[in-house]
Amino acid sequence: MQITLYYNPRCSKSRSALSILEEHQVQIDTIDYMKSPPDAETLREILAKLGGPAKQLLRQNEKEYTELGLAHADDEEIVAAIAANPNLLQSPIIVSTAQAVIGRPPEKVLAVL
């Protein structure tokens, strides 16, 4: 099984999720989304696998959230904002062929295994 982990190595939850995946010896493609941010199309693909609104992808405590007025934004506005400001992306996000989960708490990564 191939797993893609969108993570921030500075985030303790991201590091915990990576550790859990490594313990289960799955093949992991790690992407530091701050260095290699997902584009809008990739974000849409992740969102389709997550199900639900784009708002779940947002880190609401970031200053850009308020500055960009994202509290009432639609899905496309949110996707565009995250593509332009990767620090707005909730992390970690674990993506398999069939589904995706946000690893908060990190043990949620087990849902894709």
C-alpha atoms as a PDB file:
ATOM      1  CA  MET A   1       0.000   0.000   0.000  1.00  0.00           C
ATOM      2  CA  GLN A   2       1.326   3.424  -0.966  1.00  0.00           C
ATOM      3  CA  ILE A   3       0.649   6.263   1.469  1.00  0.00           C
ATOM      4  CA  THR A   4       1.345   9.952   0.935  1.00  0.00           C
ATOM      5  CA  LEU A   5       1.891  11.993   4.062  1.00  0.00           C
ATOM      6  CA  TYR A   6       1.583  15.763   3.795  1.00  0.00           C
ATOM      7  CA  TYR A   7       3.352  16.998   6.874  1.00  0.00           C
ATOM      8  CA  ASN A   8       5.354  19.738   8.523  1.00  0.00           C
ATOM      9  CA  PRO A   9       8.452  18.310  10.236  1.00  0.00           C
ATOM     10  CA  ARG A  10       8.213  21.100  12.837  1.00  0.00           C
ATOM     11  CA  CYS A  11       4.731  19.857  13.897  1.00  0.00           C
ATOM     12  CA  SER A  12       4.628  17.273  16.695  1.00  0.00           C
ATOM     13  CA  LYS A  13       1.400  15.737  15.351  1.00  0.00           C
ATOM     14  CA  SER A  14       3.017  15.335  11.925  1.00  0.00           C
ATOM     15  CA  ARG A  15       6.059  13.643  13.454  1.00  0.00           C
ATOM     16  CA  SER A  16       3.808  11.343  15.495  1.00  0.00           C
ATOM     17  CA  ALA A  17       1.792  10.373  12.416  1.00  0.00           C
ATOM     18  CA  LEU A  18       4.989   9.587  10.513  1.00  0.00           C
ATOM     19  CA  SER A  19       6.200   7.446  13.401  1.00  0.00           C
ATOM     20  CA  ILE A  20       2.942   5.474  13.490  1.00  0.00           C
ATOM     21  CA  LEU A  21       3.124   4.837   9.750  1.00  0.00           C
ATOM     22  CA  GLU A  22       6.755   3.741   9.993  1.00  0.00           C
ATOM     23  CA  GLU A  23       5.840   1.311  12.806  1.00  0.00           C
ATOM     24  CA  HIS A  24       3.351  -0.323  10.436  1.00  0.00           C
ATOM     25  CA  GLN A  25       6.024  -0.639   7.755  1.00  0.00           C
ATOM     26  CA  VAL A  26       4.001   0.888   4.946  1.00  0.00           C
ATOM     27  CA  GLN A  27       5.560   2.584   1.977  1.00  0.00           C
ATOM     28  CA  ILE A  28       5.370   6.333   2.683  1.00  0.00           C
ATOM     29  CA  ASP A  29       5.886   9.227   0.317  1.00  0.00           C
ATOM     30  CA  THR A  30       6.497  12.164   2.670  1.00  0.00           C
ATOM     31  CA  ILE A  31       5.847  15.668   1.403  1.00  0.00           C
ATOM     32  CA  ASP A  32       6.888  18.672   3.460  1.00  0.00           C
ATOM     33  CA  TYR A  33       4.032  20.872   2.299  1.00  0.00           C
ATOM     34  CA  MET A  34       5.814  24.040   3.406  1.00  0.00           C
ATOM     35  CA  LYS A  35       8.631  23.312   0.923  1.00  0.00           C
ATOM     36  CA  SER A  36       6.499  21.610  -1.745  1.00  0.00           C
ATOM     37  CA  PRO A  37       2.964  22.922  -1.336  1.00  0.00           C
ATOM     38  CA  PRO A  38       0.131  21.078  -3.056  1.00  0.00           C
ATOM     39  CA  ASP A  39      -1.440  22.941  -5.952  1.00  0.00           C
ATOM     40  CA  ALA A  40      -5.171  23.612  -6.196  1.00  0.00           C
ATOM     41  CA  GLU A  41      -5.845  20.434  -8.205  1.00  0.00           C
ATOM     42  CA  THR A  42      -4.031  18.268  -5.659  1.00  0.00           C
ATOM     43  CA  LEU A  43      -5.962  19.941  -2.846  1.00  0.00           C
ATOM     44  CA  ARG A  44      -9.233  19.179  -4.664  1.00  0.00           C
ATOM     45  CA  GLU A  45      -8.182  15.510  -4.994  1.00  0.00           C
ATOM     46  CA  ILE A  46      -7.357  15.340  -1.288  1.00  0.00           C
ATOM     47  CA  LEU A  47     -10.655  16.994  -0.446  1.00  0.00           C
ATOM     48  CA  ALA A  48     -12.585  14.495  -2.572  1.00  0.00           C
ATOM     49  CA  LYS A  49     -10.967  11.637  -0.633  1.00  0.00           C
ATOM     50  CA  LEU A  50     -11.639  13.327   2.702  1.00  0.00           C
ATOM     51  CA  GLY A  51     -15.263  14.098   1.909  1.00  0.00           C
ATOM     52  CA  GLY A  52     -16.931  17.155   3.369  1.00  0.00           C
ATOM     53  CA  PRO A  53     -16.217  20.859   3.065  1.00  0.00           C
ATOM     54  CA  ALA A  54     -12.845  22.460   2.329  1.00  0.00           C
ATOM     55  CA  LYS A  55     -13.023  24.278   5.666  1.00  0.00           C
ATOM     56  CA  GLN A  56     -11.710  21.114   7.350  1.00  0.00           C
ATOM     57  CA  LEU A  57      -8.380  21.684   5.566  1.00  0.00           C
ATOM     58  CA  LEU A  58      -7.895  25.089   7.196  1.00  0.00           C
ATOM     59  CA  ARG A  59      -5.764  26.023  10.150  1.00  0.00           C
ATOM     60  CA  GLN A  60      -7.990  28.711  11.577  1.00  0.00           C
ATOM     61  CA  ASN A  61      -5.385  30.039  14.010  1.00  0.00           C
ATOM     62  CA  GLU A  62      -3.132  31.393  11.250  1.00  0.00           C
ATOM     63  CA  LYS A  63      -3.163  35.166  10.656  1.00  0.00           C
ATOM     64  CA  GLU A  64      -3.919  34.635   6.953  1.00  0.00           C
ATOM     65  CA  TYR A  65      -7.192  32.982   7.899  1.00  0.00           C
ATOM     66  CA  THR A  66      -8.431  36.270   9.327  1.00  0.00           C
ATOM     67  CA  GLU A  67      -6.631  38.525   6.851  1.00  0.00           C
ATOM     68  CA  LEU A  68      -8.143  36.700   3.867  1.00  0.00           C
ATOM     69  CA  GLY A  69     -11.617  36.577   5.397  1.00  0.00           C
ATOM     70  CA  LEU A  70     -11.841  32.789   5.128  1.00  0.00           C
ATOM     71  CA  ALA A  71     -14.486  32.350   7.826  1.00  0.00           C
ATOM     72  CA  HIS A  72     -17.217  32.687   5.183  1.00  0.00           C
ATOM     73  CA  ALA A  73     -15.269  31.538   2.115  1.00  0.00           C
ATOM     74  CA  ASP A  74     -16.565  28.863  -0.248  1.00  0.00           C
ATOM     75  CA  ASP A  75     -14.612  25.712  -1.102  1.00  0.00           C
ATOM     76  CA  GLU A  76     -12.863  27.175  -4.157  1.00  0.00           C
ATOM     77  CA  GLU A  77     -11.766  30.284  -2.255  1.00  0.00           C
ATOM     78  CA  ILE A  78     -10.376  28.069   0.502  1.00  0.00           C
ATOM     79  CA  VAL A  79      -8.523  25.828  -1.956  1.00  0.00           C
ATOM     80  CA  ALA A  80      -7.005  28.889  -3.667  1.00  0.00           C
ATOM     81  CA  ALA A  81      -6.015  30.407  -0.319  1.00  0.00           C
ATOM     82  CA  ILE A  82      -4.286  27.207   0.844  1.00  0.00           C
ATOM     83  CA  ALA A  83      -2.484  26.795  -2.492  1.00  0.00           C
ATOM     84  CA  ALA A  84      -1.130  30.337  -2.130  1.00  0.00           C
ATOM     85  CA  ASN A  85      -0.494  30.077   1.641  1.00  0.00           C
ATOM     86  CA  PRO A  86       0.508  26.500   2.541  1.00  0.00           C
ATOM     87  CA  ASN A  87       0.770  27.359   6.255  1.00  0.00           C
ATOM     88  CA  LEU A  88      -3.053  27.399   6.209  1.00  0.00           C
ATOM     89  CA  LEU A  89      -3.124  23.650   5.505  1.00  0.00           C
ATOM     90  CA  GLN A  90      -4.141  21.433   8.398  1.00  0.00           C
ATOM     91  CA  SER A  91      -1.585  18.735   9.064  1.00  0.00           C
ATOM     92  CA  PRO A  92      -0.780  15.971   8.901  1.00  0.00           C
ATOM     93  CA  ILE A  93      -2.870  14.683   6.012  1.00  0.00           C
ATOM     94  CA  ILE A  94      -2.544  11.049   5.070  1.00  0.00           C
ATOM     95  CA  VAL A  95      -3.662   9.995   1.601  1.00  0.00           C
ATOM     96  CA  SER A  96      -4.046   6.488   0.211  1.00  0.00           C
ATOM     97  CA  THR A  97      -5.429   5.399  -3.133  1.00  0.00           C
ATOM     98  CA  ALA A  98      -8.997   5.302  -1.816  1.00  0.00           C
ATOM     99  CA  GLN A  99      -9.187   7.787   1.041  1.00  0.00           C
ATOM    100  CA  ALA A 100      -7.579  10.535   3.084  1.00  0.00           C
ATOM    101  CA  VAL A 101      -7.634  11.504   6.740  1.00  0.00           C
ATOM    102  CA  ILE A 102      -6.429  14.438   8.762  1.00  0.00           C
ATOM    103  CA  GLY A 103      -4.173  13.020  11.450  1.00  0.00           C
ATOM    104  CA  ARG A 104      -5.564  14.901  14.428  1.00  0.00           C
ATOM    105  CA  PRO A 105      -5.059  13.054  16.659  1.00  0.00           C
ATOM    106  CA  PRO A 106      -2.169  11.239  14.951  1.00  0.00           C
ATOM    107  CA  GLU A 107      -3.745   7.813  15.588  1.00  0.00           C
ATOM    108  CA  LYS A 108      -6.310   8.652  12.889  1.00  0.00           C
ATOM    109  CA  VAL A 109      -3.660   7.602  10.350  1.00  0.00           C
ATOM    110  CA  LEU A 110      -4.576   4.005  11.164  1.00  0.00           C
ATOM    111  CA  ALA A 111      -7.867   4.527   9.310  1.00  0.00           C
ATOM    112  CA  VAL A 112      -6.092   4.439   5.949  1.00  0.00           C
ATOM    113  CA  LEU A 113      -4.173   1.235   6.656  1.00  0.00           C
END
